[in-house]
PDB file of N, CA and C in Angstrom:
ATOM      1  N   MET A   1     -80.620 -14.276  16.370  1.00  0.00           N
ATOM      2  CA  MET A   1     -79.936 -13.534  15.340  1.00  0.00           C
ATOM      3  C   MET A   1     -79.716 -14.453  14.141  1.00  0.00           C
ATOM      4  N   VAL A   2     -80.062 -13.988  12.965  1.00  0.00           N
ATOM      5  CA  VAL A   2     -79.928 -14.781  11.746  1.00  0.00           C
ATOM      6  C   VAL A   2     -78.968 -14.097  10.790  1.00  0.00           C
ATOM      7  N   LEU A   3     -78.594 -14.820   9.760  1.00  0.00           N
ATOM      8  CA  LEU A   3     -77.716 -14.260   8.743  1.00  0.00           C
ATOM      9  C   LEU A   3     -78.504 -13.348   7.821  1.00  0.00           C
ATOM     10  N   LYS A   4     -77.943 -12.187   7.595  1.00  0.00           N
ATOM     11  CA  LYS A   4     -78.479 -11.266   6.599  1.00  0.00           C
ATOM     12  C   LYS A   4     -77.389 -11.103   5.549  1.00  0.00           C
ATOM     13  N   MET A   5     -77.772 -11.229   4.277  1.00  0.00           N
ATOM     14  CA  MET A   5     -76.812 -11.133   3.195  1.00  0.00           C
ATOM     15  C   MET A   5     -77.322 -10.130   2.169  1.00  0.00           C
ATOM     16  N   GLU A   6     -76.454  -9.188   1.821  1.00  0.00           N
ATOM     17  CA  GLU A   6     -76.778  -8.211   0.791  1.00  0.00           C
ATOM     18  C   GLU A   6     -75.692  -8.281  -0.270  1.00  0.00           C
ATOM     19  N   ARG A   7     -76.108  -8.290  -1.513  1.00  0.00           N
ATOM     20  CA  ARG A   7     -75.178  -8.385  -2.640  1.00  0.00           C
ATOM     21  C   ARG A   7     -75.143  -7.044  -3.359  1.00  0.00           C
ATOM     22  N   VAL A   8     -73.940  -6.495  -3.524  1.00  0.00           N
ATOM     23  CA  VAL A   8     -73.748  -5.220  -4.210  1.00  0.00           C
ATOM     24  C   VAL A   8     -72.723  -5.435  -5.307  1.00  0.00           C
ATOM     25  N   ALA A   9     -73.058  -5.051  -6.529  1.00  0.00           N
ATOM     26  CA  ALA A   9     -72.132  -5.207  -7.654  1.00  0.00           C
ATOM     27  C   ALA A   9     -71.955  -3.862  -8.338  1.00  0.00           C
ATOM     28  N   ASP A  10     -70.709  -3.569  -8.724  1.00  0.00           N
ATOM     29  CA  ASP A  10     -70.430  -2.299  -9.392  1.00  0.00           C
ATOM     30  C   ASP A  10     -69.894  -2.487 -10.807  1.00  0.00           C
ATOM     31  N   GLY A  11     -69.993  -3.678 -11.335  1.00  0.00           N
ATOM     32  CA  GLY A  11     -69.494  -3.956 -12.677  1.00  0.00           C
ATOM     33  C   GLY A  11     -68.122  -4.606 -12.680  1.00  0.00           C
ATOM     34  N   GLU A  12     -67.321  -4.360 -11.657  1.00  0.00           N
ATOM     35  CA  GLU A  12     -65.997  -4.963 -11.550  1.00  0.00           C
ATOM     36  C   GLU A  12     -65.877  -5.889 -10.360  1.00  0.00           C
ATOM     37  N   THR A  13     -66.628  -5.594  -9.315  1.00  0.00           N
ATOM     38  CA  THR A  13     -66.533  -6.335  -8.058  1.00  0.00           C
ATOM     39  C   THR A  13     -67.931  -6.632  -7.542  1.00  0.00           C
ATOM     40  N   THR A  14     -68.084  -7.827  -6.992  1.00  0.00           N
ATOM     41  CA  THR A  14     -69.305  -8.169  -6.273  1.00  0.00           C
ATOM     42  C   THR A  14     -68.957  -8.226  -4.795  1.00  0.00           C
ATOM     43  N   ILE A  15     -69.687  -7.474  -3.996  1.00  0.00           N
ATOM     44  CA  ILE A  15     -69.462  -7.454  -2.557  1.00  0.00           C
ATOM     45  C   ILE A  15     -70.643  -8.129  -1.886  1.00  0.00           C
ATOM     46  N   LEU A  16     -70.341  -9.115  -1.054  1.00  0.00           N
ATOM     47  CA  LEU A  16     -71.369  -9.744  -0.230  1.00  0.00           C
ATOM     48  C   LEU A  16     -71.233  -9.159   1.168  1.00  0.00           C
ATOM     49  N   LEU A  17     -72.217  -8.383   1.569  1.00  0.00           N
ATOM     50  CA  LEU A  17     -72.238  -7.784   2.901  1.00  0.00           C
ATOM     51  C   LEU A  17     -72.989  -8.739   3.821  1.00  0.00           C
ATOM     52  N   LEU A  18     -72.281  -9.282   4.797  1.00  0.00           N
ATOM     53  CA  LEU A  18     -72.872 -10.261   5.708  1.00  0.00           C
ATOM     54  C   LEU A  18     -73.015  -9.657   7.093  1.00  0.00           C
ATOM     55  N   SER A  19     -74.098 -10.009   7.761  1.00  0.00           N
ATOM     56  CA  SER A  19     -74.277  -9.571   9.139  1.00  0.00           C
ATOM     57  C   SER A  19     -75.038 -10.630   9.914  1.00  0.00           C
ATOM     58  N   GLY A  20     -74.790 -10.640  11.212  1.00  0.00           N
ATOM     59  CA  GLY A  20     -75.466 -11.592  12.083  1.00  0.00           C
ATOM     60  C   GLY A  20     -74.622 -12.810  12.374  1.00  0.00           C
ATOM     61  N   ARG A  21     -75.283 -13.940  12.419  1.00  0.00           N
ATOM     62  CA  ARG A  21     -74.653 -15.215  12.763  1.00  0.00           C
ATOM     63  C   ARG A  21     -74.586 -16.089  11.515  1.00  0.00           C
ATOM     64  N   ILE A  22     -73.381 -16.595  11.211  1.00  0.00           N
ATOM     65  CA  ILE A  22     -73.223 -17.486  10.062  1.00  0.00           C
ATOM     66  C   ILE A  22     -72.939 -18.881  10.589  1.00  0.00           C
ATOM     67  N   GLN A  23     -73.792 -19.830  10.205  1.00  0.00           N
ATOM     68  CA  GLN A  23     -73.641 -21.212  10.642  1.00  0.00           C
ATOM     69  C   GLN A  23     -73.463 -22.127   9.448  1.00  0.00           C
ATOM     70  N   SER A  24     -73.079 -23.362   9.723  1.00  0.00           N
ATOM     71  CA  SER A  24     -72.800 -24.324   8.658  1.00  0.00           C
ATOM     72  C   SER A  24     -73.965 -24.466   7.683  1.00  0.00           C
ATOM     73  N   GLU A  25     -75.173 -24.285   8.134  1.00  0.00           N
ATOM     74  CA  GLU A  25     -76.331 -24.400   7.245  1.00  0.00           C
ATOM     75  C   GLU A  25     -76.373 -23.283   6.191  1.00  0.00           C
ATOM     76  N   HIS A  26     -75.588 -22.220   6.379  1.00  0.00           N
ATOM     77  CA  HIS A  26     -75.544 -21.115   5.426  1.00  0.00           C
ATOM     78  C   HIS A  26     -74.447 -21.269   4.375  1.00  0.00           C
ATOM     79  N   VAL A  27     -73.559 -22.235   4.562  1.00  0.00           N
ATOM     80  CA  VAL A  27     -72.407 -22.385   3.666  1.00  0.00           C
ATOM     81  C   VAL A  27     -72.856 -22.639   2.220  1.00  0.00           C
ATOM     82  N   ALA A  28     -73.841 -23.466   2.003  1.00  0.00           N
ATOM     83  CA  ALA A  28     -74.301 -23.761   0.637  1.00  0.00           C
ATOM     84  C   ALA A  28     -74.816 -22.493  -0.044  1.00  0.00           C
ATOM     85  N   GLU A  29     -75.546 -21.680   0.673  1.00  0.00           N
ATOM     86  CA  GLU A  29     -76.063 -20.423   0.114  1.00  0.00           C
ATOM     87  C   GLU A  29     -74.917 -19.452  -0.200  1.00  0.00           C
ATOM     88  N   LEU A  30     -73.960 -19.348   0.705  1.00  0.00           N
ATOM     89  CA  LEU A  30     -72.809 -18.490   0.465  1.00  0.00           C
ATOM     90  C   LEU A  30     -72.010 -18.976  -0.744  1.00  0.00           C
ATOM     91  N   ARG A  31     -71.800 -20.273  -0.816  1.00  0.00           N
ATOM     92  CA  ARG A  31     -71.065 -20.855  -1.949  1.00  0.00           C
ATOM     93  C   ARG A  31     -71.775 -20.529  -3.261  1.00  0.00           C
ATOM     94  N   ALA A  32     -73.083 -20.670  -3.278  1.00  0.00           N
ATOM     95  CA  ALA A  32     -73.852 -20.384  -4.493  1.00  0.00           C
ATOM     96  C   ALA A  32     -73.716 -18.916  -4.892  1.00  0.00           C
ATOM     97  N   GLN A  33     -73.755 -18.010  -3.933  1.00  0.00           N
ATOM     98  CA  GLN A  33     -73.606 -16.584  -4.221  1.00  0.00           C
ATOM     99  C   GLN A  33     -72.221 -16.277  -4.789  1.00  0.00           C
ATOM    100  N   ILE A  34     -71.203 -16.899  -4.223  1.00  0.00           N
ATOM    101  CA  ILE A  34     -69.832 -16.671  -4.683  1.00  0.00           C
ATOM    102  C   ILE A  34     -69.628 -17.263  -6.077  1.00  0.00           C
ATOM    103  N   GLU A  35     -70.129 -18.463  -6.297  1.00  0.00           N
ATOM    104  CA  GLU A  35     -69.961 -19.117  -7.591  1.00  0.00           C
ATOM    105  C   GLU A  35     -70.760 -18.428  -8.692  1.00  0.00           C
ATOM    106  N   ALA A  36     -71.851 -17.755  -8.338  1.00  0.00           N
ATOM    107  CA  ALA A  36     -72.687 -17.077  -9.325  1.00  0.00           C
ATOM    108  C   ALA A  36     -72.063 -15.782  -9.831  1.00  0.00           C
ATOM    109  N   ALA A  37     -71.114 -15.251  -9.110  1.00  0.00           N
ATOM    110  CA  ALA A  37     -70.492 -13.984  -9.498  1.00  0.00           C
ATOM    111  C   ALA A  37     -69.474 -14.214 -10.608  1.00  0.00           C
ATOM    112  N   SER A  38     -69.500 -13.346 -11.590  1.00  0.00           N
ATOM    113  CA  SER A  38     -68.559 -13.465 -12.703  1.00  0.00           C
ATOM    114  C   SER A  38     -67.420 -12.460 -12.586  1.00  0.00           C
ATOM    115  N   GLN A  39     -67.341 -11.808 -11.450  1.00  0.00           N
ATOM    116  CA  GLN A  39     -66.309 -10.809 -11.230  1.00  0.00           C
ATOM    117  C   GLN A  39     -65.637 -11.031  -9.883  1.00  0.00           C
ATOM    118  N   LYS A  40     -64.702 -10.178  -9.552  1.00  0.00           N
ATOM    119  CA  LYS A  40     -63.985 -10.282  -8.284  1.00  0.00           C
ATOM    120  C   LYS A  40     -64.983 -10.284  -7.127  1.00  0.00           C
ATOM    121  N   ILE A  41     -64.735 -11.142  -6.135  1.00  0.00           N
ATOM    122  CA  ILE A  41     -65.624 -11.272  -4.987  1.00  0.00           C
ATOM    123  C   ILE A  41     -64.958 -10.717  -3.735  1.00  0.00           C
ATOM    124  N   VAL A  42     -65.704  -9.897  -3.011  1.00  0.00           N
ATOM    125  CA  VAL A  42     -65.298  -9.402  -1.704  1.00  0.00           C
ATOM    126  C   VAL A  42     -66.398  -9.790  -0.725  1.00  0.00           C
ATOM    127  N   VAL A  43     -66.014 -10.429   0.367  1.00  0.00           N
ATOM    128  CA  VAL A  43     -66.971 -10.764   1.423  1.00  0.00           C
ATOM    129  C   VAL A  43     -66.682  -9.824   2.591  1.00  0.00           C
ATOM    130  N   ASP A  44     -67.642  -8.971   2.883  1.00  0.00           N
ATOM    131  CA  ASP A  44     -67.508  -7.994   3.965  1.00  0.00           C
ATOM    132  C   ASP A  44     -68.132  -8.584   5.224  1.00  0.00           C
ATOM    133  N   LEU A  45     -67.297  -8.784   6.240  1.00  0.00           N
ATOM    134  CA  LEU A  45     -67.722  -9.455   7.473  1.00  0.00           C
ATOM    135  C   LEU A  45     -67.853  -8.493   8.657  1.00  0.00           C
ATOM    136  N   ASP A  46     -67.924  -7.197   8.382  1.00  0.00           N
ATOM    137  CA  ASP A  46     -67.913  -6.196   9.441  1.00  0.00           C
ATOM    138  C   ASP A  46     -69.024  -6.398  10.473  1.00  0.00           C
ATOM    139  N   GLU A  47     -70.184  -6.813  10.038  1.00  0.00           N
ATOM    140  CA  GLU A  47     -71.331  -6.945  10.938  1.00  0.00           C
ATOM    141  C   GLU A  47     -71.579  -8.371  11.418  1.00  0.00           C
ATOM    142  N   VAL A  48     -70.630  -9.267  11.158  1.00  0.00           N
ATOM    143  CA  VAL A  48     -70.777 -10.655  11.585  1.00  0.00           C
ATOM    144  C   VAL A  48     -70.482 -10.761  13.077  1.00  0.00           C
ATOM    145  N   LYS A  49     -71.361 -11.417  13.790  1.00  0.00           N
ATOM    146  CA  LYS A  49     -71.226 -11.536  15.239  1.00  0.00           C
ATOM    147  C   LYS A  49     -70.740 -12.904  15.693  1.00  0.00           C
ATOM    148  N   LEU A  50     -71.098 -13.967  14.954  1.00  0.00           N
ATOM    149  CA  LEU A  50     -70.767 -15.311  15.391  1.00  0.00           C
ATOM    150  C   LEU A  50     -70.645 -16.222  14.179  1.00  0.00           C
ATOM    151  N   VAL A  51     -69.651 -17.108  14.205  1.00  0.00           N
ATOM    152  CA  VAL A  51     -69.469 -18.117  13.160  1.00  0.00           C
ATOM    153  C   VAL A  51     -69.170 -19.455  13.823  1.00  0.00           C
ATOM    154  N   ASP A  52     -69.330 -20.535  13.063  1.00  0.00           N
ATOM    155  CA  ASP A  52     -68.921 -21.838  13.589  1.00  0.00           C
ATOM    156  C   ASP A  52     -67.731 -22.352  12.777  1.00  0.00           C
ATOM    157  N   ARG A  53     -67.205 -23.489  13.173  1.00  0.00           N
ATOM    158  CA  ARG A  53     -65.979 -24.019  12.562  1.00  0.00           C
ATOM    159  C   ARG A  53     -66.138 -24.289  11.070  1.00  0.00           C
ATOM    160  N   ASP A  54     -67.274 -24.817  10.647  1.00  0.00           N
ATOM    161  CA  ASP A  54     -67.487 -25.080   9.219  1.00  0.00           C
ATOM    162  C   ASP A  54     -67.398 -23.792   8.412  1.00  0.00           C
ATOM    163  N   VAL A  55     -67.924 -22.728   8.953  1.00  0.00           N
ATOM    164  CA  VAL A  55     -67.885 -21.434   8.273  1.00  0.00           C
ATOM    165  C   VAL A  55     -66.450 -20.918   8.208  1.00  0.00           C
ATOM    166  N   VAL A  56     -65.707 -21.057   9.297  1.00  0.00           N
ATOM    167  CA  VAL A  56     -64.307 -20.627   9.318  1.00  0.00           C
ATOM    168  C   VAL A  56     -63.512 -21.373   8.250  1.00  0.00           C
ATOM    169  N   CYS A  57     -63.705 -22.672   8.156  1.00  0.00           N
ATOM    170  CA  CYS A  57     -63.003 -23.464   7.137  1.00  0.00           C
ATOM    171  C   CYS A  57     -63.424 -23.036   5.732  1.00  0.00           C
ATOM    172  N   PHE A  58     -64.706 -22.791   5.546  1.00  0.00           N
ATOM    173  CA  PHE A  58     -65.203 -22.329   4.245  1.00  0.00           C
ATOM    174  C   PHE A  58     -64.593 -20.978   3.881  1.00  0.00           C
ATOM    175  N   LEU A  59     -64.584 -20.036   4.814  1.00  0.00           N
ATOM    176  CA  LEU A  59     -64.016 -18.711   4.544  1.00  0.00           C
ATOM    177  C   LEU A  59     -62.522 -18.803   4.233  1.00  0.00           C
ATOM    178  N   GLY A  60     -61.817 -19.638   4.968  1.00  0.00           N
ATOM    179  CA  GLY A  60     -60.397 -19.830   4.698  1.00  0.00           C
ATOM    180  C   GLY A  60     -60.163 -20.397   3.314  1.00  0.00           C
ATOM    181  N   ASN A  61     -60.992 -21.340   2.914  1.00  0.00           N
ATOM    182  CA  ASN A  61     -60.897 -21.932   1.582  1.00  0.00           C
ATOM    183  C   ASN A  61     -61.212 -20.889   0.509  1.00  0.00           C
ATOM    184  N   CYS A  62     -62.225 -20.084   0.749  1.00  0.00           N
ATOM    185  CA  CYS A  62     -62.568 -19.014  -0.198  1.00  0.00           C
ATOM    186  C   CYS A  62     -61.393 -18.066  -0.375  1.00  0.00           C
ATOM    187  N   GLU A  63     -60.813 -17.663   0.737  1.00  0.00           N
ATOM    188  CA  GLU A  63     -59.685 -16.739   0.695  1.00  0.00           C
ATOM    189  C   GLU A  63     -58.509 -17.359  -0.071  1.00  0.00           C
ATOM    190  N   ALA A  64     -58.256 -18.627   0.154  1.00  0.00           N
ATOM    191  CA  ALA A  64     -57.175 -19.323  -0.547  1.00  0.00           C
ATOM    192  C   ALA A  64     -57.425 -19.372  -2.054  1.00  0.00           C
ATOM    193  N   ASN A  65     -58.695 -19.243  -2.453  1.00  0.00           N
ATOM    194  CA  ASN A  65     -59.061 -19.280  -3.866  1.00  0.00           C
ATOM    195  C   ASN A  65     -59.327 -17.893  -4.444  1.00  0.00           C
ATOM    196  N   GLY A  66     -58.870 -16.850  -3.754  1.00  0.00           N
ATOM    197  CA  GLY A  66     -58.930 -15.507  -4.319  1.00  0.00           C
ATOM    198  C   GLY A  66     -60.032 -14.595  -3.836  1.00  0.00           C
ATOM    199  N   VAL A  67     -60.918 -15.086  -3.000  1.00  0.00           N
ATOM    200  CA  VAL A  67     -61.968 -14.228  -2.446  1.00  0.00           C
ATOM    201  C   VAL A  67     -61.338 -13.337  -1.380  1.00  0.00           C
ATOM    202  N   VAL A  68     -61.683 -12.061  -1.413  1.00  0.00           N
ATOM    203  CA  VAL A  68     -61.158 -11.113  -0.437  1.00  0.00           C
ATOM    204  C   VAL A  68     -62.102 -11.061   0.759  1.00  0.00           C
ATOM    205  N   LEU A  69     -61.547 -11.253   1.955  1.00  0.00           N
ATOM    206  CA  LEU A  69     -62.324 -11.106   3.187  1.00  0.00           C
ATOM    207  C   LEU A  69     -62.034  -9.718   3.740  1.00  0.00           C
ATOM    208  N   ARG A  70     -63.044  -8.879   3.748  1.00  0.00           N
ATOM    209  CA  ARG A  70     -62.873  -7.496   4.186  1.00  0.00           C
ATOM    210  C   ARG A  70     -63.531  -7.290   5.553  1.00  0.00           C
ATOM    211  N   GLN A  71     -62.888  -6.506   6.383  1.00  0.00           N
ATOM    212  CA  GLN A  71     -63.384  -6.161   7.716  1.00  0.00           C
ATOM    213  C   GLN A  71     -63.725  -7.410   8.528  1.00  0.00           C
ATOM    214  N   CYS A  72     -62.821  -8.361   8.448  1.00  0.00           N
ATOM    215  CA  CYS A  72     -62.989  -9.635   9.141  1.00  0.00           C
ATOM    216  C   CYS A  72     -62.775  -9.426  10.639  1.00  0.00           C
ATOM    217  N   PRO A  73     -63.728  -9.826  11.491  1.00  0.00           N
ATOM    218  CA  PRO A  73     -63.517  -9.702  12.939  1.00  0.00           C
ATOM    219  C   PRO A  73     -62.221 -10.406  13.362  1.00  0.00           C
ATOM    220  N   ILE A  74     -61.541  -9.843  14.327  1.00  0.00           N
ATOM    221  CA  ILE A  74     -60.245 -10.369  14.758  1.00  0.00           C
ATOM    222  C   ILE A  74     -60.335 -11.839  15.151  1.00  0.00           C
ATOM    223  N   TYR A  75     -61.385 -12.203  15.897  1.00  0.00           N
ATOM    224  CA  TYR A  75     -61.462 -13.596  16.339  1.00  0.00           C
ATOM    225  C   TYR A  75     -61.644 -14.549  15.155  1.00  0.00           C
ATOM    226  N   VAL A  76     -62.332 -14.106  14.107  1.00  0.00           N
ATOM    227  CA  VAL A  76     -62.513 -14.939  12.917  1.00  0.00           C
ATOM    228  C   VAL A  76     -61.181 -15.057  12.169  1.00  0.00           C
ATOM    229  N   ARG A  77     -60.480 -13.935  12.012  1.00  0.00           N
ATOM    230  CA  ARG A  77     -59.180 -13.950  11.331  1.00  0.00           C
ATOM    231  C   ARG A  77     -58.207 -14.883  12.049  1.00  0.00           C
ATOM    232  N   GLU A  78     -58.147 -14.775  13.371  1.00  0.00           N
ATOM    233  CA  GLU A  78     -57.240 -15.630  14.142  1.00  0.00           C
ATOM    234  C   GLU A  78     -57.630 -17.096  14.021  1.00  0.00           C
ATOM    235  N   TRP A  79     -58.919 -17.369  14.014  1.00  0.00           N
ATOM    236  CA  TRP A  79     -59.407 -18.742  13.890  1.00  0.00           C
ATOM    237  C   TRP A  79     -59.058 -19.307  12.512  1.00  0.00           C
ATOM    238  N   ILE A  80     -59.246 -18.521  11.458  1.00  0.00           N
ATOM    239  CA  ILE A  80     -58.870 -18.954  10.106  1.00  0.00           C
ATOM    240  C   ILE A  80     -57.383 -19.278  10.065  1.00  0.00           C
ATOM    241  N   ASP A  81     -56.576 -18.395  10.646  1.00  0.00           N
ATOM    242  CA  ASP A  81     -55.125 -18.616  10.655  1.00  0.00           C
ATOM    243  C   ASP A  81     -54.748 -19.881  11.422  1.00  0.00           C
ATOM    244  N   ARG A  82     -55.414 -20.137  12.552  1.00  0.00           N
ATOM    245  CA  ARG A  82     -55.143 -21.361  13.321  1.00  0.00           C
ATOM    246  C   ARG A  82     -55.515 -22.603  12.512  1.00  0.00           C
ATOM    247  N   GLU A  83     -56.648 -22.549  11.830  1.00  0.00           N
ATOM    248  CA  GLU A  83     -57.074 -23.692  11.013  1.00  0.00           C
ATOM    249  C   GLU A  83     -56.097 -23.934   9.878  1.00  0.00           C
ATOM    250  N   LYS A  84     -55.608 -22.866   9.262  1.00  0.00           N
ATOM    251  CA  LYS A  84     -54.611 -23.001   8.191  1.00  0.00           C
ATOM    252  C   LYS A  84     -53.348 -23.679   8.733  1.00  0.00           C
ATOM    253  N   SER A  85     -52.908 -23.247   9.905  1.00  0.00           N
ATOM    254  CA  SER A  85     -51.696 -23.805  10.505  1.00  0.00           C
ATOM    255  C   SER A  85     -51.848 -25.267  10.851  1.00  0.00           C
ATOM    256  N   SER A  86     -53.008 -25.630  11.389  1.00  0.00           N
ATOM    257  CA  SER A  86     -53.207 -27.004  11.820  1.00  0.00           C
ATOM    258  C   SER A  86     -53.471 -27.956  10.651  1.00  0.00           C
ATOM    259  N   GLN A  87     -54.019 -27.434   9.555  1.00  0.00           N
ATOM    260  CA  GLN A  87     -54.337 -28.295   8.423  1.00  0.00           C
ATOM    261  C   GLN A  87     -53.366 -28.126   7.260  1.00  0.00           C
ATOM    262  N   GLY A  88     -52.442 -27.231   7.368  1.00  0.00           N
ATOM    263  CA  GLY A  88     -51.534 -26.939   6.268  1.00  0.00           C
ATOM    264  C   GLY A  88     -52.169 -25.964   5.301  1.00  0.00           C
ATOM    265  N   ASP A  89     -53.202 -26.354   4.654  1.00  0.00           N
ATOM    266  CA  ASP A  89     -54.025 -25.525   3.785  1.00  0.00           C
ATOM    267  C   ASP A  89     -55.435 -26.065   3.849  1.00  0.00           C
ATOM    268  N   PHE A  90     -56.351 -25.324   3.274  1.00  0.00           N
ATOM    269  CA  PHE A  90     -57.748 -25.772   3.311  1.00  0.00           C
ATOM    270  C   PHE A  90     -58.045 -26.682   2.166  1.00  0.00           C
TER     271      PHE A  90
END
């Protein structure tokens, strides 16, 4: 299973629809997609099946900087929250 990324923009918001497995090797590509957007960013994680720790830290950092994580799987949300607690902030 690999990462599939679809970008949808409506003029006010850019939504990154992610599905599959997100690994640390995908963080640079995700960062580039987020930084390239000139509008509000929403990352939709509804179809994400597996992530690693680097991705969790990256997503937590994105969220702390205003990126909206939508339909985040429960295990990912809990993991982000645990990382925030253990590190103070990202």
